[in-house]
Amino acid sequence: MKAAVVLAGCGVMDGAEIHEAVMTMYAIDKNGGSYRLFAPNVAQHHVVNHITGDEMKESRNVLTEAARIARGKISPMTDYRAADFDALIFPGGFGVAKNLCTYAFDGPDCHVDRVVEEAILATHRAGKPIGALCISPVLIARVLGDVTVTIGNDRGTTADIAKLGGKHENKRHGEVAVDSKNLIVTAPCYMLDATLSEIARDAEAVVKALMELAGR
């Protein structure tokens, strides 16, 4: 399976969740697949000090920050073409809800970055599977509406998914929600208390399910 992995920056509080991003890449590689990394070339909503949790008085770019995780090998989201890949995957992190969409601020009334939205729609139209970890299933529900996903068991987020037209399944670590009709695979990751090994298990479960849906 050749997967496109979308990063929302670098760091759980304002970008991509690094453990989830790395374990997703590891799971793809471990299971014989390959990947290419993408991120939108836009300004972060804000920058957070990951020691104190306080907002910092500086600005950063999502693509430039995501390149830290990618070791420089990353492309702007505008380069993504669904025809070139077997699956599209979104690791989590607050950057998904701040930089890829505005869910962190606007809840179910959020808007989605135009390029990210088109990538999701193009992949869905092409009949190719989409994976989403942690908070990312909210992004998928916002774009596609009537999909079945999991973010674990958080009641507030579950209620918002319903408002977006989606259906929620409570899942634990190692379990995935598979929407066979819409080819969506989701797992809770850090939406639940988690160890690094549990994140690795969730990421691998998503990747294996995507491979099965993609026929790889």
N, C-alpha and C. Protein backbone atom coordinates (compact mmCIF):
# COMPACT_ATOMS: atom_id res chain seq x y z
N MET A 1 0.84 -1.19 0.00
CA MET A 1 0.00 0.00 0.00
C MET A 1 0.88 1.25 0.00
N LYS A 2 0.56 2.15 -0.89
CA LYS A 2 1.22 3.46 -0.91
C LYS A 2 0.27 4.46 -0.27
N ALA A 3 0.67 5.02 0.87
CA ALA A 3 -0.22 5.90 1.63
C ALA A 3 0.28 7.33 1.63
N ALA A 4 -0.66 8.25 1.65
CA ALA A 4 -0.37 9.66 1.88
C ALA A 4 -0.73 9.96 3.33
N VAL A 5 0.21 10.51 4.07
CA VAL A 5 0.00 10.83 5.48
C VAL A 5 0.04 12.34 5.64
N VAL A 6 -1.03 12.88 6.22
CA VAL A 6 -1.16 14.34 6.35
C VAL A 6 -0.83 14.77 7.78
N LEU A 7 0.11 15.68 7.92
CA LEU A 7 0.52 16.20 9.22
C LEU A 7 0.00 17.62 9.40
N ALA A 8 -0.33 17.95 10.64
CA ALA A 8 -0.93 19.25 10.95
C ALA A 8 0.03 20.18 11.68
N GLY A 9 1.32 19.95 11.51
CA GLY A 9 2.33 20.72 12.22
C GLY A 9 3.23 19.78 13.00
N CYS A 10 3.72 20.25 14.15
CA CYS A 10 4.64 19.43 14.95
C CYS A 10 4.42 19.71 16.43
N GLY A 11 3.75 18.81 17.12
CA GLY A 11 3.51 18.98 18.55
C GLY A 11 2.04 18.89 18.88
N VAL A 12 1.72 18.14 19.92
CA VAL A 12 0.32 17.80 20.21
C VAL A 12 -0.57 19.02 20.44
N MET A 13 -0.05 20.08 21.06
CA MET A 13 -0.90 21.20 21.45
C MET A 13 -1.24 22.15 20.32
N ASP A 14 -0.41 22.17 19.27
CA ASP A 14 -0.66 23.12 18.18
C ASP A 14 -0.39 22.53 16.81
N GLY A 15 -0.09 21.23 16.75
CA GLY A 15 0.25 20.61 15.48
C GLY A 15 -0.11 19.14 15.46
N ALA A 16 0.68 18.36 14.75
CA ALA A 16 0.48 16.91 14.70
C ALA A 16 0.98 16.27 15.98
N GLU A 17 0.27 15.24 16.46
CA GLU A 17 0.73 14.46 17.61
C GLU A 17 1.88 13.59 17.12
N ILE A 18 3.07 13.85 17.65
CA ILE A 18 4.29 13.26 17.10
C ILE A 18 4.29 11.74 17.23
N HIS A 19 3.89 11.21 18.38
CA HIS A 19 3.87 9.75 18.56
C HIS A 19 2.95 9.09 17.54
N GLU A 20 1.76 9.66 17.36
CA GLU A 20 0.82 9.09 16.41
C GLU A 20 1.35 9.17 14.98
N ALA A 21 1.98 10.28 14.64
CA ALA A 21 2.53 10.44 13.30
C ALA A 21 3.63 9.42 13.04
N VAL A 22 4.56 9.30 13.98
CA VAL A 22 5.69 8.38 13.79
C VAL A 22 5.22 6.93 13.78
N MET A 23 4.32 6.58 14.68
CA MET A 23 3.84 5.21 14.73
C MET A 23 3.02 4.84 13.50
N THR A 24 2.36 5.81 12.91
CA THR A 24 1.66 5.56 11.65
C THR A 24 2.65 5.24 10.55
N MET A 25 3.70 6.03 10.44
CA MET A 25 4.73 5.77 9.44
C MET A 25 5.40 4.42 9.68
N TYR A 26 5.68 4.13 10.95
CA TYR A 26 6.31 2.87 11.31
C TYR A 26 5.42 1.68 10.93
N ALA A 27 4.13 1.80 11.21
CA ALA A 27 3.20 0.71 10.90
C ALA A 27 3.12 0.47 9.40
N ILE A 28 3.12 1.53 8.62
CA ILE A 28 3.09 1.38 7.16
C ILE A 28 4.34 0.65 6.69
N ASP A 29 5.49 1.11 7.15
CA ASP A 29 6.76 0.51 6.76
C ASP A 29 6.86 -0.94 7.23
N LYS A 30 6.48 -1.18 8.48
CA LYS A 30 6.55 -2.53 9.07
C LYS A 30 5.72 -3.53 8.29
N ASN A 31 4.60 -3.08 7.74
CA ASN A 31 3.69 -3.98 7.03
C ASN A 31 3.89 -3.97 5.51
N GLY A 32 5.04 -3.48 5.09
CA GLY A 32 5.42 -3.58 3.69
C GLY A 32 4.90 -2.49 2.79
N GLY A 33 4.37 -1.44 3.36
CA GLY A 33 3.87 -0.33 2.56
C GLY A 33 4.90 0.78 2.41
N SER A 34 4.48 1.83 1.75
CA SER A 34 5.32 3.03 1.61
C SER A 34 4.43 4.24 1.85
N TYR A 35 5.04 5.38 2.12
CA TYR A 35 4.26 6.57 2.41
C TYR A 35 4.96 7.82 1.89
N ARG A 36 4.16 8.84 1.72
CA ARG A 36 4.64 10.19 1.40
C ARG A 36 3.92 11.14 2.33
N LEU A 37 4.63 12.10 2.86
CA LEU A 37 4.07 13.02 3.83
C LEU A 37 3.65 14.35 3.19
N PHE A 38 2.52 14.86 3.68
CA PHE A 38 1.99 16.13 3.19
C PHE A 38 1.57 17.00 4.37
N ALA A 39 1.51 18.30 4.15
CA ALA A 39 0.96 19.24 5.12
C ALA A 39 0.54 20.50 4.37
N PRO A 40 -0.49 21.17 4.85
CA PRO A 40 -0.89 22.43 4.20
C PRO A 40 0.16 23.51 4.43
N ASN A 41 0.42 24.29 3.42
CA ASN A 41 1.39 25.39 3.52
C ASN A 41 0.66 26.65 3.98
N VAL A 42 0.30 26.66 5.28
CA VAL A 42 -0.46 27.75 5.87
C VAL A 42 0.12 28.08 7.24
N ALA A 43 -0.24 29.24 7.76
CA ALA A 43 0.20 29.62 9.10
C ALA A 43 -0.54 28.80 10.15
N GLN A 44 0.16 28.41 11.22
CA GLN A 44 -0.51 27.79 12.35
C GLN A 44 -1.47 28.78 12.98
N HIS A 45 -2.54 28.26 13.59
CA HIS A 45 -3.44 29.16 14.30
C HIS A 45 -2.71 29.90 15.38
N HIS A 46 -1.91 29.19 16.16
CA HIS A 46 -1.06 29.81 17.18
C HIS A 46 0.05 28.82 17.54
N VAL A 47 0.98 29.27 18.36
CA VAL A 47 2.10 28.44 18.81
C VAL A 47 1.99 28.29 20.33
N VAL A 48 2.13 27.07 20.81
CA VAL A 48 1.99 26.78 22.24
C VAL A 48 3.29 26.27 22.81
N ASN A 49 3.68 26.81 23.97
CA ASN A 49 4.81 26.28 24.73
C ASN A 49 4.40 24.94 25.31
N HIS A 50 5.04 23.88 24.88
CA HIS A 50 4.62 22.54 25.28
C HIS A 50 5.05 22.18 26.71
N ILE A 51 5.79 23.03 27.36
CA ILE A 51 6.13 22.82 28.77
C ILE A 51 5.07 23.44 29.67
N THR A 52 4.68 24.67 29.35
CA THR A 52 3.73 25.41 30.20
C THR A 52 2.30 25.35 29.71
N GLY A 53 2.11 25.08 28.41
CA GLY A 53 0.78 25.12 27.83
C GLY A 53 0.33 26.52 27.44
N ASP A 54 1.21 27.49 27.62
CA ASP A 54 0.87 28.89 27.31
C ASP A 54 1.10 29.20 25.84
N GLU A 55 0.27 30.11 25.32
CA GLU A 55 0.45 30.56 23.94
C GLU A 55 1.67 31.46 23.87
N MET A 56 2.43 31.33 22.79
CA MET A 56 3.65 32.12 22.60
C MET A 56 3.42 33.22 21.57
N LYS A 57 4.16 34.29 21.71
CA LYS A 57 4.02 35.43 20.81
C LYS A 57 4.95 35.25 19.61
N GLU A 58 4.61 34.29 18.78
CA GLU A 58 5.36 34.07 17.55
C GLU A 58 4.45 33.34 16.57
N SER A 59 4.87 33.27 15.32
CA SER A 59 4.09 32.58 14.30
C SER A 59 4.95 31.52 13.64
N ARG A 60 4.30 30.42 13.22
CA ARG A 60 5.00 29.35 12.54
C ARG A 60 4.13 28.83 11.40
N ASN A 61 4.77 28.13 10.49
CA ASN A 61 4.09 27.60 9.31
C ASN A 61 3.86 26.10 9.49
N VAL A 62 2.68 25.62 9.16
CA VAL A 62 2.33 24.21 9.37
C VAL A 62 3.26 23.28 8.58
N LEU A 63 3.50 23.60 7.31
CA LEU A 63 4.36 22.76 6.48
C LEU A 63 5.79 22.74 7.01
N THR A 64 6.31 23.90 7.37
CA THR A 64 7.68 23.99 7.88
C THR A 64 7.84 23.22 9.18
N GLU A 65 6.84 23.32 10.07
CA GLU A 65 6.91 22.60 11.34
C GLU A 65 6.77 21.09 11.13
N ALA A 66 5.87 20.69 10.24
CA ALA A 66 5.68 19.26 9.95
C ALA A 66 6.94 18.65 9.36
N ALA A 67 7.72 19.46 8.68
CA ALA A 67 8.98 18.97 8.08
C ALA A 67 9.95 18.47 9.15
N ARG A 68 9.79 18.91 10.39
CA ARG A 68 10.64 18.40 11.48
C ARG A 68 10.40 16.91 11.66
N ILE A 69 9.15 16.50 11.65
CA ILE A 69 8.81 15.09 11.80
C ILE A 69 9.23 14.32 10.56
N ALA A 70 9.09 14.95 9.41
CA ALA A 70 9.36 14.30 8.13
C ALA A 70 10.84 14.26 7.77
N ARG A 71 11.68 14.83 8.61
CA ARG A 71 13.11 14.94 8.31
C ARG A 71 13.31 15.66 6.97
N GLY A 72 12.44 16.63 6.71
CA GLY A 72 12.55 17.47 5.53
C GLY A 72 11.87 16.94 4.30
N LYS A 73 11.50 15.66 4.29
CA LYS A 73 10.90 15.05 3.11
C LYS A 73 9.38 15.14 3.20
N ILE A 74 8.85 16.28 2.79
CA ILE A 74 7.41 16.52 2.89
C ILE A 74 6.99 17.44 1.75
N SER A 75 5.75 17.31 1.34
CA SER A 75 5.23 18.10 0.23
C SER A 75 4.03 18.92 0.68
N PRO A 76 3.80 20.07 0.04
CA PRO A 76 2.60 20.84 0.36
C PRO A 76 1.35 20.08 -0.06
N MET A 77 0.28 20.30 0.66
CA MET A 77 -0.98 19.58 0.43
C MET A 77 -1.49 19.78 -0.99
N THR A 78 -1.14 20.88 -1.61
CA THR A 78 -1.59 21.14 -2.98
C THR A 78 -1.01 20.14 -3.98
N ASP A 79 0.05 19.42 -3.60
CA ASP A 79 0.65 18.43 -4.50
C ASP A 79 -0.05 17.07 -4.43
N TYR A 80 -0.95 16.89 -3.47
CA TYR A 80 -1.60 15.60 -3.31
C TYR A 80 -2.55 15.29 -4.46
N ARG A 81 -2.43 14.08 -4.99
CA ARG A 81 -3.34 13.59 -6.03
C ARG A 81 -3.82 12.20 -5.59
N ALA A 82 -5.11 12.05 -5.45
CA ALA A 82 -5.67 10.78 -4.97
C ALA A 82 -5.26 9.62 -5.88
N ALA A 83 -5.11 9.86 -7.15
CA ALA A 83 -4.78 8.79 -8.10
C ALA A 83 -3.41 8.18 -7.82
N ASP A 84 -2.55 8.89 -7.12
CA ASP A 84 -1.19 8.41 -6.88
C ASP A 84 -1.06 7.52 -5.65
N PHE A 85 -2.15 7.37 -4.88
CA PHE A 85 -2.06 6.67 -3.59
C PHE A 85 -3.19 5.66 -3.42
N ASP A 86 -2.95 4.71 -2.52
CA ASP A 86 -3.96 3.70 -2.19
C ASP A 86 -4.79 4.10 -0.99
N ALA A 87 -4.28 5.03 -0.17
CA ALA A 87 -4.99 5.43 1.05
C ALA A 87 -4.49 6.79 1.51
N LEU A 88 -5.34 7.46 2.28
CA LEU A 88 -5.03 8.77 2.86
C LEU A 88 -5.19 8.64 4.37
N ILE A 89 -4.20 9.10 5.14
CA ILE A 89 -4.22 8.91 6.60
C ILE A 89 -3.95 10.23 7.32
N PHE A 90 -4.76 10.47 8.38
CA PHE A 90 -4.60 11.65 9.22
C PHE A 90 -4.27 11.25 10.65
N PRO A 91 -3.01 11.36 11.10
CA PRO A 91 -2.74 11.25 12.53
C PRO A 91 -3.42 12.40 13.26
N GLY A 92 -3.48 12.31 14.60
CA GLY A 92 -4.19 13.33 15.36
C GLY A 92 -3.31 14.46 15.85
N GLY A 93 -3.70 15.03 16.99
CA GLY A 93 -3.05 16.22 17.52
C GLY A 93 -3.99 17.40 17.39
N PHE A 94 -3.87 18.38 18.30
CA PHE A 94 -4.75 19.54 18.26
C PHE A 94 -4.61 20.34 16.98
N GLY A 95 -3.48 20.16 16.27
CA GLY A 95 -3.32 20.86 15.00
C GLY A 95 -4.38 20.49 13.99
N VAL A 96 -4.90 19.27 14.08
CA VAL A 96 -5.98 18.86 13.19
C VAL A 96 -7.20 19.75 13.41
N ALA A 97 -7.48 20.04 14.70
CA ALA A 97 -8.65 20.83 15.07
C ALA A 97 -8.39 22.33 15.09
N LYS A 98 -7.14 22.72 14.83
CA LYS A 98 -6.79 24.15 14.81
C LYS A 98 -6.28 24.61 13.46
N ASN A 99 -5.55 23.74 12.76
CA ASN A 99 -4.91 24.13 11.50
C ASN A 99 -5.57 23.52 10.27
N LEU A 100 -6.04 22.26 10.39
CA LEU A 100 -6.72 21.62 9.26
C LEU A 100 -8.20 21.99 9.23
N CYS A 101 -8.75 22.28 10.40
CA CYS A 101 -10.11 22.79 10.50
C CYS A 101 -10.18 23.63 11.77
N THR A 102 -11.34 24.18 12.07
CA THR A 102 -11.46 25.07 13.23
C THR A 102 -12.31 24.45 14.34
N TYR A 103 -12.35 23.13 14.41
CA TYR A 103 -13.19 22.45 15.39
C TYR A 103 -12.85 22.86 16.82
N ALA A 104 -11.58 23.10 17.12
CA ALA A 104 -11.17 23.46 18.48
C ALA A 104 -11.84 24.75 18.95
N PHE A 105 -12.24 25.60 18.02
CA PHE A 105 -12.81 26.90 18.36
C PHE A 105 -14.31 27.00 18.04
N ASP A 106 -14.72 26.32 16.97
CA ASP A 106 -16.08 26.48 16.48
C ASP A 106 -16.95 25.23 16.64
N GLY A 107 -16.38 24.15 17.19
CA GLY A 107 -17.15 22.94 17.37
C GLY A 107 -17.70 22.42 16.05
N PRO A 108 -18.92 21.86 16.04
CA PRO A 108 -19.47 21.29 14.81
C PRO A 108 -19.76 22.32 13.72
N ASP A 109 -19.67 23.62 14.04
CA ASP A 109 -19.84 24.66 13.02
C ASP A 109 -18.52 25.02 12.34
N CYS A 110 -17.51 24.22 12.57
CA CYS A 110 -16.17 24.53 12.08
C CYS A 110 -16.11 24.54 10.55
N HIS A 111 -15.11 25.24 10.03
CA HIS A 111 -14.84 25.15 8.61
C HIS A 111 -13.51 24.42 8.42
N VAL A 112 -13.32 23.85 7.24
CA VAL A 112 -12.16 23.02 6.93
C VAL A 112 -11.29 23.72 5.90
N ASP A 113 -9.98 23.61 6.08
CA ASP A 113 -9.05 24.14 5.08
C ASP A 113 -9.45 23.62 3.70
N ARG A 114 -9.52 24.51 2.73
CA ARG A 114 -10.04 24.16 1.41
C ARG A 114 -9.25 23.03 0.75
N VAL A 115 -7.94 23.08 0.83
CA VAL A 115 -7.11 22.07 0.18
C VAL A 115 -7.24 20.72 0.87
N VAL A 116 -7.32 20.74 2.19
CA VAL A 116 -7.51 19.50 2.96
C VAL A 116 -8.87 18.89 2.63
N GLU A 117 -9.89 19.73 2.58
CA GLU A 117 -11.23 19.25 2.25
C GLU A 117 -11.26 18.60 0.87
N GLU A 118 -10.64 19.22 -0.10
CA GLU A 118 -10.63 18.67 -1.45
C GLU A 118 -9.88 17.34 -1.50
N ALA A 119 -8.81 17.21 -0.70
CA ALA A 119 -8.07 15.94 -0.66
C ALA A 119 -8.96 14.82 -0.14
N ILE A 120 -9.72 15.11 0.90
CA ILE A 120 -10.63 14.10 1.47
C ILE A 120 -11.71 13.74 0.46
N LEU A 121 -12.32 14.75 -0.15
CA LEU A 121 -13.39 14.51 -1.12
C LEU A 121 -12.88 13.75 -2.35
N ALA A 122 -11.70 14.10 -2.83
CA ALA A 122 -11.14 13.44 -4.01
C ALA A 122 -10.83 11.98 -3.72
N THR A 123 -10.32 11.71 -2.53
CA THR A 123 -10.00 10.34 -2.14
C THR A 123 -11.28 9.52 -2.01
N HIS A 124 -12.28 10.13 -1.41
CA HIS A 124 -13.58 9.45 -1.25
C HIS A 124 -14.22 9.17 -2.61
N ARG A 125 -14.18 10.14 -3.50
CA ARG A 125 -14.76 9.96 -4.84
C ARG A 125 -14.04 8.86 -5.61
N ALA A 126 -12.75 8.73 -5.36
CA ALA A 126 -11.94 7.72 -6.06
C ALA A 126 -12.15 6.32 -5.49
N GLY A 127 -12.93 6.20 -4.42
CA GLY A 127 -13.18 4.91 -3.82
C GLY A 127 -11.97 4.34 -3.10
N LYS A 128 -11.18 5.23 -2.52
CA LYS A 128 -9.99 4.80 -1.79
C LYS A 128 -10.16 5.07 -0.30
N PRO A 129 -9.60 4.22 0.56
CA PRO A 129 -9.85 4.34 1.99
C PRO A 129 -9.13 5.50 2.65
N ILE A 130 -9.74 5.97 3.75
CA ILE A 130 -9.18 7.07 4.54
C ILE A 130 -9.08 6.62 5.98
N GLY A 131 -7.92 6.84 6.59
CA GLY A 131 -7.71 6.52 8.00
C GLY A 131 -7.60 7.79 8.82
N ALA A 132 -8.10 7.75 10.05
CA ALA A 132 -8.04 8.93 10.93
C ALA A 132 -7.83 8.47 12.37
N LEU A 133 -6.88 9.09 13.05
CA LEU A 133 -6.54 8.74 14.42
C LEU A 133 -6.91 9.88 15.36
N CYS A 134 -7.24 9.52 16.61
CA CYS A 134 -7.42 10.50 17.68
C CYS A 134 -8.60 11.43 17.37
N ILE A 135 -8.35 12.74 17.25
CA ILE A 135 -9.42 13.72 16.99
C ILE A 135 -9.73 13.83 15.50
N SER A 136 -8.88 13.27 14.64
CA SER A 136 -9.06 13.42 13.19
C SER A 136 -10.39 12.91 12.65
N PRO A 137 -11.02 11.91 13.27
CA PRO A 137 -12.33 11.49 12.75
C PRO A 137 -13.36 12.61 12.69
N VAL A 138 -13.23 13.62 13.56
CA VAL A 138 -14.15 14.76 13.50
C VAL A 138 -13.99 15.50 12.18
N LEU A 139 -12.76 15.62 11.73
CA LEU A 139 -12.48 16.26 10.44
C LEU A 139 -13.17 15.49 9.31
N ILE A 140 -13.07 14.16 9.35
CA ILE A 140 -13.68 13.34 8.31
C ILE A 140 -15.20 13.48 8.35
N ALA A 141 -15.77 13.48 9.54
CA ALA A 141 -17.22 13.63 9.67
C ALA A 141 -17.68 14.99 9.18
N ARG A 142 -16.88 16.01 9.44
CA ARG A 142 -17.24 17.36 8.98
C ARG A 142 -17.31 17.44 7.46
N VAL A 143 -16.40 16.74 6.79
CA VAL A 143 -16.36 16.80 5.33
C VAL A 143 -17.36 15.85 4.68
N LEU A 144 -17.44 14.61 5.20
CA LEU A 144 -18.24 13.57 4.54
C LEU A 144 -19.62 13.37 5.15
N GLY A 145 -19.82 13.80 6.39
CA GLY A 145 -21.14 13.71 6.99
C GLY A 145 -21.50 12.33 7.49
N ASP A 146 -22.23 11.58 6.73
CA ASP A 146 -22.79 10.30 7.17
C ASP A 146 -21.74 9.19 7.12
N VAL A 147 -20.84 9.19 8.09
CA VAL A 147 -19.81 8.17 8.21
C VAL A 147 -19.83 7.60 9.62
N THR A 148 -19.29 6.40 9.78
CA THR A 148 -19.17 5.79 11.09
C THR A 148 -17.72 5.86 11.54
N VAL A 149 -17.49 6.43 12.73
CA VAL A 149 -16.13 6.65 13.22
C VAL A 149 -16.06 6.38 14.72
N THR A 150 -14.83 6.42 15.25
CA THR A 150 -14.64 6.40 16.70
C THR A 150 -13.60 7.42 17.11
N ILE A 151 -13.82 8.02 18.27
CA ILE A 151 -12.79 8.83 18.91
C ILE A 151 -12.57 8.29 20.33
N GLY A 152 -12.99 7.06 20.55
CA GLY A 152 -12.90 6.45 21.87
C GLY A 152 -14.25 6.42 22.53
N ASN A 153 -14.44 7.29 23.54
CA ASN A 153 -15.74 7.30 24.23
C ASN A 153 -16.09 8.67 24.82
N ASP A 154 -15.39 9.74 24.40
CA ASP A 154 -15.67 11.07 24.93
C ASP A 154 -17.07 11.53 24.52
N ARG A 155 -17.92 11.82 25.51
CA ARG A 155 -19.32 12.12 25.23
C ARG A 155 -19.52 13.41 24.45
N GLY A 156 -18.74 14.45 24.80
CA GLY A 156 -18.91 15.72 24.10
C GLY A 156 -18.56 15.62 22.63
N THR A 157 -17.44 14.98 22.32
CA THR A 157 -17.03 14.83 20.93
C THR A 157 -17.97 13.91 20.19
N THR A 158 -18.44 12.85 20.87
CA THR A 158 -19.41 11.94 20.27
C THR A 158 -20.68 12.69 19.87
N ALA A 159 -21.14 13.58 20.74
CA ALA A 159 -22.33 14.37 20.45
C ALA A 159 -22.11 15.28 19.24
N ASP A 160 -20.91 15.84 19.13
CA ASP A 160 -20.60 16.71 17.99
C ASP A 160 -20.57 15.92 16.69
N ILE A 161 -20.04 14.70 16.74
CA ILE A 161 -20.02 13.86 15.54
C ILE A 161 -21.45 13.60 15.07
N ALA A 162 -22.35 13.36 16.01
CA ALA A 162 -23.76 13.16 15.66
C ALA A 162 -24.34 14.42 15.00
N LYS A 163 -23.97 15.59 15.51
CA LYS A 163 -24.44 16.84 14.93
C LYS A 163 -23.94 17.03 13.50
N LEU A 164 -22.80 16.45 13.22
CA LEU A 164 -22.23 16.53 11.87
C LEU A 164 -22.82 15.49 10.93
N GLY A 165 -23.71 14.66 11.45
CA GLY A 165 -24.36 13.64 10.63
C GLY A 165 -23.70 12.29 10.69
N GLY A 166 -22.66 12.15 11.54
CA GLY A 166 -21.94 10.89 11.63
C GLY A 166 -22.49 9.98 12.71
N LYS A 167 -21.99 8.77 12.72
CA LYS A 167 -22.33 7.78 13.74
C LYS A 167 -21.06 7.42 14.50
N HIS A 168 -21.19 7.24 15.81
CA HIS A 168 -20.01 6.94 16.63
C HIS A 168 -20.09 5.56 17.24
N GLU A 169 -18.94 4.87 17.26
CA GLU A 169 -18.81 3.59 17.94
C GLU A 169 -17.75 3.72 19.04
N ASN A 170 -18.09 3.36 20.26
CA ASN A 170 -17.10 3.37 21.34
C ASN A 170 -16.08 2.27 21.10
N LYS A 171 -14.81 2.63 21.18
CA LYS A 171 -13.72 1.67 20.97
C LYS A 171 -12.63 1.86 22.01
N ARG A 172 -11.92 0.77 22.28
CA ARG A 172 -10.77 0.81 23.17
C ARG A 172 -9.50 0.70 22.35
N HIS A 173 -8.35 0.77 23.03
CA HIS A 173 -7.08 0.63 22.30
C HIS A 173 -7.00 -0.73 21.62
N GLY A 174 -6.48 -0.71 20.41
CA GLY A 174 -6.36 -1.93 19.63
C GLY A 174 -7.58 -2.22 18.80
N GLU A 175 -8.65 -1.44 19.02
CA GLU A 175 -9.88 -1.62 18.26
C GLU A 175 -10.04 -0.48 17.25
N VAL A 176 -10.61 -0.78 16.11
CA VAL A 176 -10.87 0.25 15.11
C VAL A 176 -12.33 0.21 14.71
N ALA A 177 -12.83 1.37 14.29
CA ALA A 177 -14.15 1.44 13.67
C ALA A 177 -13.93 1.40 12.17
N VAL A 178 -14.55 0.44 11.51
CA VAL A 178 -14.41 0.30 10.06
C VAL A 178 -15.76 0.57 9.40
N ASP A 179 -15.82 1.63 8.63
CA ASP A 179 -17.00 1.95 7.84
C ASP A 179 -16.75 1.39 6.44
N SER A 180 -17.23 0.17 6.20
CA SER A 180 -16.95 -0.51 4.94
C SER A 180 -17.61 0.18 3.75
N LYS A 181 -18.74 0.82 3.99
CA LYS A 181 -19.44 1.51 2.90
C LYS A 181 -18.65 2.71 2.42
N ASN A 182 -18.16 3.51 3.35
CA ASN A 182 -17.44 4.74 3.01
C ASN A 182 -15.92 4.58 3.02
N LEU A 183 -15.45 3.38 3.37
CA LEU A 183 -14.02 3.08 3.40
C LEU A 183 -13.27 4.01 4.36
N ILE A 184 -13.80 4.11 5.58
CA ILE A 184 -13.19 4.93 6.63
C ILE A 184 -12.76 4.03 7.78
N VAL A 185 -11.52 4.21 8.25
CA VAL A 185 -11.00 3.46 9.39
C VAL A 185 -10.50 4.44 10.44
N THR A 186 -10.96 4.29 11.68
CA THR A 186 -10.59 5.23 12.73
C THR A 186 -10.23 4.49 14.02
N ALA A 187 -9.41 5.14 14.85
CA ALA A 187 -8.99 4.58 16.14
C ALA A 187 -8.80 5.71 17.14
N PRO A 188 -8.98 5.43 18.45
CA PRO A 188 -8.98 6.50 19.45
C PRO A 188 -7.63 7.11 19.79
N CYS A 189 -6.57 6.31 19.85
CA CYS A 189 -5.24 6.80 20.22
C CYS A 189 -5.29 7.67 21.47
N TYR A 190 -4.75 8.90 21.42
CA TYR A 190 -4.67 9.74 22.62
C TYR A 190 -5.98 10.42 23.02
N MET A 191 -7.07 10.09 22.36
CA MET A 191 -8.36 10.51 22.90
C MET A 191 -8.69 9.70 24.15
N LEU A 192 -7.96 8.60 24.34
CA LEU A 192 -8.00 7.82 25.58
C LEU A 192 -6.64 7.94 26.24
N ASP A 193 -6.56 7.72 27.56
CA ASP A 193 -5.26 7.61 28.19
C ASP A 193 -4.49 6.50 27.50
N ALA A 194 -3.22 6.75 27.19
CA ALA A 194 -2.50 5.78 26.36
C ALA A 194 -1.02 5.73 26.69
N THR A 195 -0.45 4.56 26.53
CA THR A 195 0.99 4.38 26.53
C THR A 195 1.47 4.42 25.09
N LEU A 196 2.75 4.54 24.90
CA LEU A 196 3.30 4.58 23.55
C LEU A 196 3.02 3.27 22.81
N SER A 197 3.11 2.15 23.52
CA SER A 197 2.84 0.87 22.87
C SER A 197 1.38 0.77 22.43
N GLU A 198 0.47 1.38 23.18
CA GLU A 198 -0.94 1.38 22.78
C GLU A 198 -1.15 2.24 21.54
N ILE A 199 -0.42 3.35 21.44
CA ILE A 199 -0.49 4.18 20.24
C ILE A 199 0.01 3.39 19.04
N ALA A 200 1.10 2.66 19.23
CA ALA A 200 1.65 1.85 18.15
C ALA A 200 0.64 0.78 17.72
N ARG A 201 -0.04 0.18 18.68
CA ARG A 201 -1.03 -0.85 18.37
C ARG A 201 -2.21 -0.27 17.61
N ASP A 202 -2.68 0.92 18.03
CA ASP A 202 -3.79 1.57 17.34
C ASP A 202 -3.41 1.93 15.90
N ALA A 203 -2.22 2.49 15.74
CA ALA A 203 -1.78 2.90 14.40
C ALA A 203 -1.67 1.69 13.48
N GLU A 204 -1.13 0.60 14.01
CA GLU A 204 -0.99 -0.60 13.18
C GLU A 204 -2.35 -1.19 12.83
N ALA A 205 -3.28 -1.15 13.77
CA ALA A 205 -4.62 -1.66 13.49
C ALA A 205 -5.28 -0.87 12.37
N VAL A 206 -5.09 0.46 12.38
CA VAL A 206 -5.64 1.29 11.30
C VAL A 206 -4.98 0.95 9.97
N VAL A 207 -3.67 0.86 9.97
CA VAL A 207 -2.94 0.58 8.73
C VAL A 207 -3.34 -0.77 8.15
N LYS A 208 -3.42 -1.79 8.99
CA LYS A 208 -3.80 -3.12 8.50
C LYS A 208 -5.21 -3.12 7.92
N ALA A 209 -6.14 -2.42 8.57
CA ALA A 209 -7.51 -2.34 8.07
C ALA A 209 -7.56 -1.58 6.75
N LEU A 210 -6.77 -0.53 6.62
CA LEU A 210 -6.72 0.22 5.36
C LEU A 210 -6.16 -0.65 4.24
N MET A 211 -5.13 -1.43 4.55
CA MET A 211 -4.56 -2.33 3.55
C MET A 211 -5.59 -3.34 3.06
N GLU A 212 -6.39 -3.83 3.98
CA GLU A 212 -7.43 -4.78 3.60
C GLU A 212 -8.47 -4.13 2.71
N LEU A 213 -8.88 -2.91 3.06
CA LEU A 213 -9.87 -2.20 2.24
C LEU A 213 -9.32 -1.85 0.87
N ALA A 214 -8.01 -1.56 0.85
CA ALA A 214 -7.37 -1.19 -0.42
C ALA A 214 -7.02 -2.42 -1.25
N GLY A 215 -7.18 -3.61 -0.67
CA GLY A 215 -6.86 -4.83 -1.39
C GLY A 215 -5.39 -5.06 -1.56
N ARG A 216 -4.62 -4.59 -0.54
CA ARG A 216 -3.15 -4.70 -0.64
C ARG A 216 -2.62 -5.77 0.30
